[in-house]
PDB file of all heavy atoms in Angstrom:
ATOM      1  N   ARG A   1       0.890  -1.187   0.039  1.00  0.00           N
ATOM      2  CA  ARG A   1       0.018   0.057  -0.024  1.00  0.00           C
ATOM      3  C   ARG A   1       0.902   1.248   0.009  1.00  0.00           C
ATOM      4  O   ARG A   1       1.502   1.609   0.978  1.00  0.00           O
ATOM      5  CB  ARG A   1      -0.940   0.078   1.224  1.00  0.00           C
ATOM      6  CG  ARG A   1      -1.812   1.310   1.259  1.00  0.00           C
ATOM      7  CD  ARG A   1      -2.688   1.306   2.384  1.00  0.00           C
ATOM      8  NE  ARG A   1      -3.405   2.632   2.427  1.00  0.00           N
ATOM      9  CZ  ARG A   1      -4.274   2.963   3.322  1.00  0.00           C
ATOM     10  NH1 ARG A   1      -4.585   2.129   4.309  1.00  0.00           N
ATOM     11  NH2 ARG A   1      -4.839   4.144   3.280  1.00  0.00           N
ATOM     12  N   VAL A   2       0.945   1.848  -1.152  1.00  0.00           N
ATOM     13  CA  VAL A   2       1.657   3.124  -1.303  1.00  0.00           C
ATOM     14  C   VAL A   2       0.713   4.051  -1.978  1.00  0.00           C
ATOM     15  O   VAL A   2       0.247   3.729  -3.069  1.00  0.00           O
ATOM     16  CB  VAL A   2       3.021   2.928  -2.113  1.00  0.00           C
ATOM     17  CG1 VAL A   2       3.695   4.282  -2.316  1.00  0.00           C
ATOM     18  CG2 VAL A   2       3.905   1.924  -1.471  1.00  0.00           C
ATOM     19  N   SER A   3       0.406   5.230  -1.357  1.00  0.00           N
ATOM     20  CA  SER A   3      -0.569   6.104  -1.999  1.00  0.00           C
ATOM     21  C   SER A   3      -0.107   7.530  -1.975  1.00  0.00           C
ATOM     22  O   SER A   3       0.844   7.916  -1.307  1.00  0.00           O
ATOM     23  CB  SER A   3      -1.898   5.983  -1.204  1.00  0.00           C
ATOM     24  OG  SER A   3      -1.707   6.407   0.137  1.00  0.00           O
ATOM     25  N   GLY A   4      -0.750   8.301  -2.878  1.00  0.00           N
ATOM     26  CA  GLY A   4      -0.544   9.758  -2.917  1.00  0.00           C
ATOM     27  C   GLY A   4       0.497  10.274  -3.799  1.00  0.00           C
ATOM     28  O   GLY A   4       0.760  11.518  -3.812  1.00  0.00           O
ATOM     29  N   ARG A   5       1.186   9.473  -4.593  1.00  0.00           N
ATOM     30  CA  ARG A   5       2.302   9.900  -5.390  1.00  0.00           C
ATOM     31  C   ARG A   5       1.813  10.812  -6.471  1.00  0.00           C
ATOM     32  O   ARG A   5       0.913  10.476  -7.259  1.00  0.00           O
ATOM     33  CB  ARG A   5       3.064   8.734  -6.007  1.00  0.00           C
ATOM     34  CG  ARG A   5       4.219   9.090  -6.896  1.00  0.00           C
ATOM     35  CD  ARG A   5       5.438   9.284  -6.091  1.00  0.00           C
ATOM     36  NE  ARG A   5       6.519   9.658  -7.018  1.00  0.00           N
ATOM     37  CZ  ARG A   5       7.755   9.769  -6.627  1.00  0.00           C
ATOM     38  NH1 ARG A   5       8.089   9.501  -5.386  1.00  0.00           N
ATOM     39  NH2 ARG A   5       8.664  10.115  -7.498  1.00  0.00           N
ATOM     40  N   SER A   6       2.305  12.122  -6.518  1.00  0.00           N
ATOM     41  CA  SER A   6       1.993  13.010  -7.573  1.00  0.00           C
ATOM     42  C   SER A   6       3.135  14.083  -7.646  1.00  0.00           C
ATOM     43  O   SER A   6       4.059  13.996  -6.852  1.00  0.00           O
ATOM     44  CB  SER A   6       0.665  13.698  -7.309  1.00  0.00           C
ATOM     45  OG  SER A   6       0.807  14.589  -6.168  1.00  0.00           O
ATOM     46  N   ASP A   7       3.011  15.007  -8.592  1.00  0.00           N
ATOM     47  CA  ASP A   7       4.049  16.039  -8.722  1.00  0.00           C
ATOM     48  C   ASP A   7       4.144  16.860  -7.410  1.00  0.00           C
ATOM     49  O   ASP A   7       5.195  17.296  -7.045  1.00  0.00           O
ATOM     50  CB  ASP A   7       3.741  16.944  -9.860  1.00  0.00           C
ATOM     51  CG  ASP A   7       3.970  16.213 -11.255  1.00  0.00           C
ATOM     52  OD1 ASP A   7       4.672  15.208 -11.225  1.00  0.00           O
ATOM     53  OD2 ASP A   7       3.396  16.671 -12.213  1.00  0.00           O
ATOM     54  N   ASP A   8       2.994  17.105  -6.834  1.00  0.00           N
ATOM     55  CA  ASP A   8       2.927  17.935  -5.574  1.00  0.00           C
ATOM     56  C   ASP A   8       3.302  17.107  -4.354  1.00  0.00           C
ATOM     57  O   ASP A   8       3.710  17.726  -3.285  1.00  0.00           O
ATOM     58  CB  ASP A   8       1.527  18.497  -5.383  1.00  0.00           C
ATOM     59  CG  ASP A   8       1.135  19.501  -6.455  1.00  0.00           C
ATOM     60  OD1 ASP A   8       2.067  20.084  -7.069  1.00  0.00           O
ATOM     61  OD2 ASP A   8      -0.055  19.751  -6.635  1.00  0.00           O
ATOM     62  N   CYS A   9       3.179  15.817  -4.385  1.00  0.00           N
ATOM     63  CA  CYS A   9       3.374  14.987  -3.219  1.00  0.00           C
ATOM     64  C   CYS A   9       4.478  13.956  -3.550  1.00  0.00           C
ATOM     65  O   CYS A   9       4.223  12.839  -4.080  1.00  0.00           O
ATOM     66  CB  CYS A   9       2.117  14.237  -2.832  1.00  0.00           C
ATOM     67  SG  CYS A   9       0.778  15.350  -2.291  1.00  0.00           S
ATOM     68  N   SER A  10       5.714  14.282  -3.249  1.00  0.00           N
ATOM     69  CA  SER A  10       6.851  13.426  -3.619  1.00  0.00           C
ATOM     70  C   SER A  10       7.660  13.034  -2.386  1.00  0.00           C
ATOM     71  O   SER A  10       8.655  12.322  -2.585  1.00  0.00           O
ATOM     72  CB  SER A  10       7.725  14.151  -4.607  1.00  0.00           C
ATOM     73  OG  SER A  10       8.224  15.381  -4.055  1.00  0.00           O
ATOM     74  N   ARG A  11       7.191  13.447  -1.208  1.00  0.00           N
ATOM     75  CA  ARG A  11       7.997  12.979   0.039  1.00  0.00           C
ATOM     76  C   ARG A  11       7.368  11.789   0.685  1.00  0.00           C
ATOM     77  O   ARG A  11       6.197  11.788   1.018  1.00  0.00           O
ATOM     78  CB  ARG A  11       8.014  14.181   1.054  1.00  0.00           C
ATOM     79  CG  ARG A  11       8.747  13.823   2.296  1.00  0.00           C
ATOM     80  CD  ARG A  11       8.750  14.950   3.242  1.00  0.00           C
ATOM     81  NE  ARG A  11       9.514  14.545   4.445  1.00  0.00           N
ATOM     82  CZ  ARG A  11       9.774  15.383   5.433  1.00  0.00           C
ATOM     83  NH1 ARG A  11       9.297  16.623   5.378  1.00  0.00           N
ATOM     84  NH2 ARG A  11      10.473  15.029   6.456  1.00  0.00           N
ATOM     85  N   ALA A  12       8.119  10.727   0.729  1.00  0.00           N
ATOM     86  CA  ALA A  12       7.619   9.464   1.302  1.00  0.00           C
ATOM     87  C   ALA A  12       7.761   9.518   2.851  1.00  0.00           C
ATOM     88  O   ALA A  12       8.772   9.791   3.366  1.00  0.00           O
ATOM     89  CB  ALA A  12       8.352   8.236   0.741  1.00  0.00           C
ATOM     90  N   VAL A  13       6.649   9.183   3.521  1.00  0.00           N
ATOM     91  CA  VAL A  13       6.641   9.015   5.010  1.00  0.00           C
ATOM     92  C   VAL A  13       5.910   7.679   5.300  1.00  0.00           C
ATOM     93  O   VAL A  13       5.204   7.182   4.454  1.00  0.00           O
ATOM     94  CB  VAL A  13       5.944  10.211   5.745  1.00  0.00           C
ATOM     95  CG1 VAL A  13       6.668  11.514   5.466  1.00  0.00           C
ATOM     96  CG2 VAL A  13       4.504  10.338   5.271  1.00  0.00           C
ATOM     97  N   VAL A  14       6.088   7.189   6.530  1.00  0.00           N
ATOM     98  CA  VAL A  14       5.386   6.034   6.970  1.00  0.00           C
ATOM     99  C   VAL A  14       4.258   6.466   7.919  1.00  0.00           C
ATOM    100  O   VAL A  14       4.540   7.148   8.886  1.00  0.00           O
ATOM    101  CB  VAL A  14       6.337   5.025   7.661  1.00  0.00           C
ATOM    102  CG1 VAL A  14       5.570   3.828   8.145  1.00  0.00           C
ATOM    103  CG2 VAL A  14       7.429   4.606   6.681  1.00  0.00           C
ATOM    104  N   ILE A  15       3.032   6.067   7.592  1.00  0.00           N
ATOM    105  CA  ILE A  15       1.912   6.378   8.396  1.00  0.00           C
ATOM    106  C   ILE A  15       1.608   5.178   9.255  1.00  0.00           C
ATOM    107  O   ILE A  15       1.431   4.020   8.764  1.00  0.00           O
ATOM    108  CB  ILE A  15       0.649   6.732   7.605  1.00  0.00           C
ATOM    109  CG1 ILE A  15       0.942   7.768   6.463  1.00  0.00           C
ATOM    110  CG2 ILE A  15      -0.549   7.068   8.474  1.00  0.00           C
ATOM    111  CD1 ILE A  15       1.306   9.104   7.009  1.00  0.00           C
ATOM    112  N   ILE A  16       1.638   5.328  10.570  1.00  0.00           N
ATOM    113  CA  ILE A  16       1.349   4.262  11.529  1.00  0.00           C
ATOM    114  C   ILE A  16       0.098   4.562  12.284  1.00  0.00           C
ATOM    115  O   ILE A  16       0.039   5.612  12.895  1.00  0.00           O
ATOM    116  CB  ILE A  16       2.500   4.067  12.460  1.00  0.00           C
ATOM    117  CG1 ILE A  16       3.806   3.881  11.740  1.00  0.00           C
ATOM    118  CG2 ILE A  16       2.211   2.893  13.475  1.00  0.00           C
ATOM    119  CD1 ILE A  16       5.073   4.092  12.577  1.00  0.00           C
ATOM    120  N   ASN A  17      -0.906   3.768  12.137  1.00  0.00           N
ATOM    121  CA  ASN A  17      -2.191   3.938  12.844  1.00  0.00           C
ATOM    122  C   ASN A  17      -2.350   2.858  13.868  1.00  0.00           C
ATOM    123  O   ASN A  17      -2.670   1.715  13.579  1.00  0.00           O
ATOM    124  CB  ASN A  17      -3.386   3.849  11.817  1.00  0.00           C
ATOM    125  CG  ASN A  17      -4.667   4.212  12.550  1.00  0.00           C
ATOM    126  OD1 ASN A  17      -4.990   3.684  13.556  1.00  0.00           O
ATOM    127  ND2 ASN A  17      -5.452   5.031  11.861  1.00  0.00           N
ATOM    128  N   PRO A  18      -2.020   3.189  15.130  1.00  0.00           N
ATOM    129  CA  PRO A  18      -2.029   2.159  16.213  1.00  0.00           C
ATOM    130  C   PRO A  18      -3.396   1.530  16.449  1.00  0.00           C
ATOM    131  O   PRO A  18      -3.515   0.362  16.827  1.00  0.00           O
ATOM    132  CB  PRO A  18      -1.505   2.926  17.425  1.00  0.00           C
ATOM    133  CG  PRO A  18      -0.958   4.226  17.016  1.00  0.00           C
ATOM    134  CD  PRO A  18      -1.553   4.435  15.646  1.00  0.00           C
ATOM    135  N   GLU A  19      -4.449   2.365  16.362  1.00  0.00           N
ATOM    136  CA  GLU A  19      -5.733   1.865  16.573  1.00  0.00           C
ATOM    137  C   GLU A  19      -6.159   0.784  15.547  1.00  0.00           C
ATOM    138  O   GLU A  19      -6.775  -0.204  15.901  1.00  0.00           O
ATOM    139  CB  GLU A  19      -6.762   2.991  16.612  1.00  0.00           C
ATOM    140  CG  GLU A  19      -8.166   2.603  17.050  1.00  0.00           C
ATOM    141  CD  GLU A  19      -9.065   3.800  17.154  1.00  0.00           C
ATOM    142  OE1 GLU A  19      -8.596   4.923  17.375  1.00  0.00           O
ATOM    143  OE2 GLU A  19     -10.277   3.554  17.072  1.00  0.00           O
ATOM    144  N   ALA A  20      -5.885   1.058  14.310  1.00  0.00           N
ATOM    145  CA  ALA A  20      -6.214   0.114  13.219  1.00  0.00           C
ATOM    146  C   ALA A  20      -5.133  -0.996  13.126  1.00  0.00           C
ATOM    147  O   ALA A  20      -5.296  -1.977  12.395  1.00  0.00           O
ATOM    148  CB  ALA A  20      -6.274   0.845  11.966  1.00  0.00           C
ATOM    149  N   LYS A  21      -4.028  -0.790  13.832  1.00  0.00           N
ATOM    150  CA  LYS A  21      -2.890  -1.806  13.791  1.00  0.00           C
ATOM    151  C   LYS A  21      -2.362  -1.966  12.388  1.00  0.00           C
ATOM    152  O   LYS A  21      -2.110  -3.069  11.940  1.00  0.00           O
ATOM    153  CB  LYS A  21      -3.322  -3.186  14.352  1.00  0.00           C
ATOM    154  CG  LYS A  21      -3.739  -3.139  15.792  1.00  0.00           C
ATOM    155  CD  LYS A  21      -2.470  -3.290  16.646  1.00  0.00           C
ATOM    156  CE  LYS A  21      -2.815  -3.569  18.063  1.00  0.00           C
ATOM    157  NZ  LYS A  21      -1.723  -3.378  18.947  1.00  0.00           N
ATOM    158  N   MET A  22      -2.149  -0.798  11.688  1.00  0.00           N
ATOM    159  CA  MET A  22      -1.670  -0.862  10.288  1.00  0.00           C
ATOM    160  C   MET A  22      -0.622   0.281  10.100  1.00  0.00           C
ATOM    161  O   MET A  22      -0.643   1.277  10.746  1.00  0.00           O
ATOM    162  CB  MET A  22      -2.842  -0.563   9.335  1.00  0.00           C
ATOM    163  CG  MET A  22      -3.867  -1.716   9.341  1.00  0.00           C
ATOM    164  SD  MET A  22      -5.336  -1.346   8.324  1.00  0.00           S
ATOM    165  CE  MET A  22      -4.679  -0.730   6.861  1.00  0.00           C
ATOM    166  N   ALA A  23       0.299  -0.014   9.152  1.00  0.00           N
ATOM    167  CA  ALA A  23       1.296   0.991   8.783  1.00  0.00           C
ATOM    168  C   ALA A  23       1.512   0.861   7.289  1.00  0.00           C
ATOM    169  O   ALA A  23       1.426  -0.203   6.697  1.00  0.00           O
ATOM    170  CB  ALA A  23       2.601   0.736   9.495  1.00  0.00           C
ATOM    171  N   TRP A  24       1.743   2.012   6.646  1.00  0.00           N
ATOM    172  CA  TRP A  24       1.879   2.013   5.190  1.00  0.00           C
ATOM    173  C   TRP A  24       2.702   3.263   4.795  1.00  0.00           C
ATOM    174  O   TRP A  24       2.896   4.174   5.584  1.00  0.00           O
ATOM    175  CB  TRP A  24       0.580   2.003   4.427  1.00  0.00           C
ATOM    176  CG  TRP A  24      -0.269   3.226   4.644  1.00  0.00           C
ATOM    177  CD1 TRP A  24      -0.278   4.396   3.916  1.00  0.00           C
ATOM    178  CD2 TRP A  24      -1.165   3.418   5.762  1.00  0.00           C
ATOM    179  NE1 TRP A  24      -1.212   5.299   4.466  1.00  0.00           N
ATOM    180  CE2 TRP A  24      -1.720   4.734   5.567  1.00  0.00           C
ATOM    181  CE3 TRP A  24      -1.628   2.694   6.828  1.00  0.00           C
ATOM    182  CZ2 TRP A  24      -2.692   5.244   6.482  1.00  0.00           C
ATOM    183  CZ3 TRP A  24      -2.525   3.204   7.729  1.00  0.00           C
ATOM    184  CH2 TRP A  24      -3.031   4.484   7.535  1.00  0.00           C
ATOM    185  N   ILE A  25       3.214   3.237   3.558  1.00  0.00           N
ATOM    186  CA  ILE A  25       3.927   4.430   3.027  1.00  0.00           C
ATOM    187  C   ILE A  25       2.962   5.331   2.254  1.00  0.00           C
ATOM    188  O   ILE A  25       2.138   4.767   1.569  1.00  0.00           O
ATOM    189  CB  ILE A  25       5.049   3.970   2.043  1.00  0.00           C
ATOM    190  CG1 ILE A  25       6.101   3.103   2.823  1.00  0.00           C
ATOM    191  CG2 ILE A  25       5.689   5.134   1.352  1.00  0.00           C
ATOM    192  CD1 ILE A  25       7.165   2.520   1.926  1.00  0.00           C
ATOM    193  N   GLU A  26       3.123   6.567   2.494  1.00  0.00           N
ATOM    194  CA  GLU A  26       2.222   7.519   1.772  1.00  0.00           C
ATOM    195  C   GLU A  26       3.136   8.666   1.340  1.00  0.00           C
ATOM    196  O   GLU A  26       4.042   9.144   2.061  1.00  0.00           O
ATOM    197  CB  GLU A  26       1.126   8.021   2.725  1.00  0.00           C
ATOM    198  CG  GLU A  26       0.079   8.842   1.980  1.00  0.00           C
ATOM    199  CD  GLU A  26      -1.184   8.940   2.771  1.00  0.00           C
ATOM    200  OE1 GLU A  26      -1.606   7.968   3.367  1.00  0.00           O
ATOM    201  OE2 GLU A  26      -1.741  10.037   2.704  1.00  0.00           O
ATOM    202  N   TYR A  27       2.845   9.159   0.114  1.00  0.00           N
ATOM    203  CA  TYR A  27       3.593  10.331  -0.356  1.00  0.00           C
ATOM    204  C   TYR A  27       2.789  11.629   0.012  1.00  0.00           C
ATOM    205  O   TYR A  27       1.558  11.659  -0.185  1.00  0.00           O
ATOM    206  CB  TYR A  27       3.755  10.239  -1.898  1.00  0.00           C
ATOM    207  CG  TYR A  27       4.763   9.236  -2.277  1.00  0.00           C
ATOM    208  CD1 TYR A  27       4.442   7.939  -2.503  1.00  0.00           C
ATOM    209  CD2 TYR A  27       6.091   9.600  -2.370  1.00  0.00           C
ATOM    210  CE1 TYR A  27       5.389   7.004  -2.834  1.00  0.00           C
ATOM    211  CE2 TYR A  27       7.094   8.719  -2.724  1.00  0.00           C
ATOM    212  CZ  TYR A  27       6.739   7.362  -2.942  1.00  0.00           C
ATOM    213  OH  TYR A  27       7.687   6.469  -3.255  1.00  0.00           O
ATOM    214  N   VAL A  28       3.501  12.584   0.551  1.00  0.00           N
ATOM    215  CA  VAL A  28       2.922  13.776   1.058  1.00  0.00           C
ATOM    216  C   VAL A  28       3.668  14.980   0.460  1.00  0.00           C
ATOM    217  O   VAL A  28       4.755  14.814  -0.098  1.00  0.00           O
ATOM    218  CB  VAL A  28       2.899  13.846   2.592  1.00  0.00           C
ATOM    219  CG1 VAL A  28       2.068  12.749   3.186  1.00  0.00           C
ATOM    220  CG2 VAL A  28       4.308  13.799   3.177  1.00  0.00           C
ATOM    221  N   SER A  29       3.109  16.202   0.700  1.00  0.00           N
ATOM    222  CA  SER A  29       3.791  17.395   0.245  1.00  0.00           C
ATOM    223  C   SER A  29       5.040  17.615   1.180  1.00  0.00           C
ATOM    224  O   SER A  29       5.122  17.045   2.228  1.00  0.00           O
ATOM    225  CB  SER A  29       2.826  18.611   0.352  1.00  0.00           C
ATOM    226  OG  SER A  29       2.443  18.775   1.655  1.00  0.00           O
ATOM    227  N   GLU A  30       5.918  18.406   0.685  1.00  0.00           N
ATOM    228  CA  GLU A  30       7.188  18.613   1.451  1.00  0.00           C
ATOM    229  C   GLU A  30       6.965  19.086   2.819  1.00  0.00           C
ATOM    230  O   GLU A  30       7.767  18.729   3.773  1.00  0.00           O
ATOM    231  CB  GLU A  30       8.098  19.600   0.684  1.00  0.00           C
ATOM    232  CG  GLU A  30       9.504  19.555   0.996  1.00  0.00           C
ATOM    233  CD  GLU A  30      10.151  18.180   0.852  1.00  0.00           C
ATOM    234  OE1 GLU A  30       9.881  17.485  -0.142  1.00  0.00           O
ATOM    235  OE2 GLU A  30      10.999  17.805   1.662  1.00  0.00           O
ATOM    236  N   ASP A  31       5.969  19.888   3.118  1.00  0.00           N
ATOM    237  CA  ASP A  31       5.698  20.387   4.474  1.00  0.00           C
ATOM    238  C   ASP A  31       4.758  19.486   5.294  1.00  0.00           C
ATOM    239  O   ASP A  31       4.401  19.800   6.425  1.00  0.00           O
ATOM    240  CB  ASP A  31       5.178  21.817   4.463  1.00  0.00           C
ATOM    241  CG  ASP A  31       3.808  21.973   3.755  1.00  0.00           C
ATOM    242  OD1 ASP A  31       3.295  20.962   3.225  1.00  0.00           O
ATOM    243  OD2 ASP A  31       3.340  23.057   3.671  1.00  0.00           O
ATOM    244  N   ILE A  32       4.327  18.410   4.729  1.00  0.00           N
ATOM    245  CA  ILE A  32       3.439  17.405   5.354  1.00  0.00           C
ATOM    246  C   ILE A  32       2.157  18.044   5.874  1.00  0.00           C
ATOM    247  O   ILE A  32       1.626  17.668   6.858  1.00  0.00           O
ATOM    248  CB  ILE A  32       4.229  16.648   6.442  1.00  0.00           C
ATOM    249  CG1 ILE A  32       5.574  16.199   6.017  1.00  0.00           C
ATOM    250  CG2 ILE A  32       3.383  15.370   6.899  1.00  0.00           C
ATOM    251  CD1 ILE A  32       6.402  15.493   7.064  1.00  0.00           C
ATOM    252  N   ALA A  33       1.702  19.022   5.139  1.00  0.00           N
ATOM    253  CA  ALA A  33       0.491  19.768   5.605  1.00  0.00           C
ATOM    254  C   ALA A  33      -0.761  18.833   5.722  1.00  0.00           C
ATOM    255  O   ALA A  33      -1.646  19.101   6.525  1.00  0.00           O
ATOM    256  CB  ALA A  33       0.183  20.903   4.595  1.00  0.00           C
ATOM    257  N   GLU A  34      -0.798  17.757   4.950  1.00  0.00           N
ATOM    258  CA  GLU A  34      -1.928  16.873   4.993  1.00  0.00           C
ATOM    259  C   GLU A  34      -2.133  16.273   6.439  1.00  0.00           C
ATOM    260  O   GLU A  34      -3.279  15.933   6.743  1.00  0.00           O
ATOM    261  CB  GLU A  34      -1.802  15.722   4.008  1.00  0.00           C
ATOM    262  CG  GLU A  34      -1.621  16.090   2.601  1.00  0.00           C
ATOM    263  CD  GLU A  34      -0.103  16.382   2.168  1.00  0.00           C
ATOM    264  OE1 GLU A  34       0.677  16.708   3.091  1.00  0.00           O
ATOM    265  OE2 GLU A  34       0.171  16.231   1.011  1.00  0.00           O
ATOM    266  N   TYR A  35      -1.077  16.142   7.163  1.00  0.00           N
ATOM    267  CA  TYR A  35      -1.131  15.497   8.426  1.00  0.00           C
ATOM    268  C   TYR A  35      -0.848  16.413   9.615  1.00  0.00           C
ATOM    269  O   TYR A  35      -0.721  16.009  10.749  1.00  0.00           O
ATOM    270  CB  TYR A  35      -0.218  14.247   8.527  1.00  0.00           C
ATOM    271  CG  TYR A  35      -0.764  13.124   7.758  1.00  0.00           C
ATOM    272  CD1 TYR A  35      -0.387  12.873   6.429  1.00  0.00           C
ATOM    273  CD2 TYR A  35      -1.737  12.257   8.252  1.00  0.00           C
ATOM    274  CE1 TYR A  35      -0.850  11.817   5.696  1.00  0.00           C
ATOM    275  CE2 TYR A  35      -2.210  11.289   7.519  1.00  0.00           C
ATOM    276  CZ  TYR A  35      -1.816  10.987   6.243  1.00  0.00           C
ATOM    277  OH  TYR A  35      -2.335  10.011   5.544  1.00  0.00           O
ATOM    278  N   ASP A  36      -0.726  17.708   9.315  1.00  0.00           N
ATOM    279  CA  ASP A  36      -0.424  18.692  10.344  1.00  0.00           C
ATOM    280  C   ASP A  36      -1.640  19.081  11.094  1.00  0.00           C
ATOM    281  O   ASP A  36      -2.264  20.172  10.887  1.00  0.00           O
ATOM    282  CB  ASP A  36       0.281  19.925   9.727  1.00  0.00           C
ATOM    283  CG  ASP A  36       0.845  20.845  10.758  1.00  0.00           C
ATOM    284  OD1 ASP A  36       0.910  20.430  11.965  1.00  0.00           O
ATOM    285  OD2 ASP A  36       1.102  22.012  10.427  1.00  0.00           O
ATOM    286  N   LYS A  37      -2.089  18.196  11.960  1.00  0.00           N
ATOM    287  CA  LYS A  37      -3.268  18.430  12.776  1.00  0.00           C
ATOM    288  C   LYS A  37      -3.113  17.843  14.112  1.00  0.00           C
ATOM    289  O   LYS A  37      -2.236  16.912  14.343  1.00  0.00           O
ATOM    290  CB  LYS A  37      -4.575  17.958  12.097  1.00  0.00           C
ATOM    291  CG  LYS A  37      -4.638  16.424  11.896  1.00  0.00           C
ATOM    292  CD  LYS A  37      -5.844  16.015  11.203  1.00  0.00           C
ATOM    293  CE  LYS A  37      -5.885  14.542  10.951  1.00  0.00           C
ATOM    294  NZ  LYS A  37      -7.117  14.044  10.297  1.00  0.00           N
ATOM    295  N   GLU A  38      -3.852  18.279  15.106  1.00  0.00           N
ATOM    296  CA  GLU A  38      -3.746  17.798  16.450  1.00  0.00           C
ATOM    297  C   GLU A  38      -4.103  16.268  16.449  1.00  0.00           C
ATOM    298  O   GLU A  38      -4.980  15.812  15.777  1.00  0.00           O
ATOM    299  CB  GLU A  38      -4.713  18.517  17.384  1.00  0.00           C
ATOM    300  CG  GLU A  38      -4.402  18.266  18.854  1.00  0.00           C
ATOM    301  CD  GLU A  38      -5.172  19.100  19.735  1.00  0.00           C
ATOM    302  OE1 GLU A  38      -5.466  20.261  19.364  1.00  0.00           O
ATOM    303  OE2 GLU A  38      -5.444  18.725  20.867  1.00  0.00           O
ATOM    304  N   GLY A  39      -3.316  15.532  17.220  1.00  0.00           N
ATOM    305  CA  GLY A  39      -3.569  14.081  17.322  1.00  0.00           C
ATOM    306  C   GLY A  39      -2.539  13.288  16.566  1.00  0.00           C
ATOM    307  O   GLY A  39      -2.379  12.087  16.901  1.00  0.00           O
ATOM    308  N   ASN A  40      -1.835  13.876  15.613  1.00  0.00           N
ATOM    309  CA  ASN A  40      -0.737  13.184  14.957  1.00  0.00           C
ATOM    310  C   ASN A  40       0.550  13.485  15.605  1.00  0.00           C
ATOM    311  O   ASN A  40       0.840  14.650  16.046  1.00  0.00           O
ATOM    312  CB  ASN A  40      -0.704  13.609  13.473  1.00  0.00           C
ATOM    313  CG  ASN A  40      -1.817  13.077  12.697  1.00  0.00           C
ATOM    314  OD1 ASN A  40      -2.393  12.003  12.990  1.00  0.00           O
ATOM    315  ND2 ASN A  40      -2.234  13.752  11.665  1.00  0.00           N
ATOM    316  N   VAL A  41       1.442  12.541  15.643  1.00  0.00           N
ATOM    317  CA  VAL A  41       2.762  12.622  16.300  1.00  0.00           C
ATOM    318  C   VAL A  41       3.816  12.441  15.190  1.00  0.00           C
ATOM    319  O   VAL A  41       3.724  11.459  14.496  1.00  0.00           O
ATOM    320  CB  VAL A  41       2.963  11.589  17.453  1.00  0.00           C
ATOM    321  CG1 VAL A  41       4.325  11.746  18.028  1.00  0.00           C
ATOM    322  CG2 VAL A  41       1.903  11.788  18.506  1.00  0.00           C
ATOM    323  N   PHE A  42       4.717  13.350  15.065  1.00  0.00           N
ATOM    324  CA  PHE A  42       5.752  13.285  14.062  1.00  0.00           C
ATOM    325  C   PHE A  42       7.079  12.918  14.722  1.00  0.00           C
ATOM    326  O   PHE A  42       7.443  13.406  15.749  1.00  0.00           O
ATOM    327  CB  PHE A  42       5.966  14.602  13.404  1.00  0.00           C
ATOM    328  CG  PHE A  42       4.820  15.080  12.535  1.00  0.00           C
ATOM    329  CD1 PHE A  42       3.710  15.638  13.113  1.00  0.00           C
ATOM    330  CD2 PHE A  42       4.851  14.890  11.160  1.00  0.00           C
ATOM    331  CE1 PHE A  42       2.615  16.039  12.347  1.00  0.00           C
ATOM    332  CE2 PHE A  42       3.816  15.304  10.383  1.00  0.00           C
ATOM    333  CZ  PHE A  42       2.667  15.848  10.990  1.00  0.00           C
ATOM    334  N   THR A  43       7.792  11.947  14.104  1.00  0.00           N
ATOM    335  CA  THR A  43       9.089  11.525  14.584  1.00  0.00           C
ATOM    336  C   THR A  43       9.948  10.898  13.486  1.00  0.00           C
ATOM    337  O   THR A  43       9.381  10.431  12.502  1.00  0.00           O
ATOM    338  CB  THR A  43       9.002  10.526  15.757  1.00  0.00           C
ATOM    339  OG1 THR A  43      10.295  10.250  16.306  1.00  0.00           O
ATOM    340  CG2 THR A  43       8.308   9.272  15.310  1.00  0.00           C
ATOM    341  N   CYS A  44      11.246  11.026  13.628  1.00  0.00           N
ATOM    342  CA  CYS A  44      12.147  10.291  12.761  1.00  0.00           C
ATOM    343  C   CYS A  44      12.984   9.266  13.511  1.00  0.00           C
ATOM    344  O   CYS A  44      13.940   8.732  13.036  1.00  0.00           O
ATOM    345  CB  CYS A  44      13.011  11.223  11.970  1.00  0.00           C
ATOM    346  SG  CYS A  44      14.134  12.183  13.017  1.00  0.00           S
ATOM    347  N   ASP A  45      12.618   9.000  14.747  1.00  0.00           N
ATOM    348  CA  ASP A  45      13.346   8.174  15.679  1.00  0.00           C
ATOM    349  C   ASP A  45      12.619   6.829  15.905  1.00  0.00           C
ATOM    350  O   ASP A  45      11.475   6.852  16.399  1.00  0.00           O
ATOM    351  CB  ASP A  45      13.607   8.888  16.945  1.00  0.00           C
ATOM    352  CG  ASP A  45      14.416   8.132  17.941  1.00  0.00           C
ATOM    353  OD1 ASP A  45      15.167   7.197  17.568  1.00  0.00           O
ATOM    354  OD2 ASP A  45      14.365   8.452  19.162  1.00  0.00           O
TER     355      ASP A  45
END
């Protein structure tokens, strides 16, 4: 499952949803604005 690849969305991140017990790669915009909302936690560690 890899979604969101387009000219505007070329940065690959891993989305981990603990409640659904699923993780996948998604392409987002460089500033990750799609997921910049309360409730999401960002990390590279």
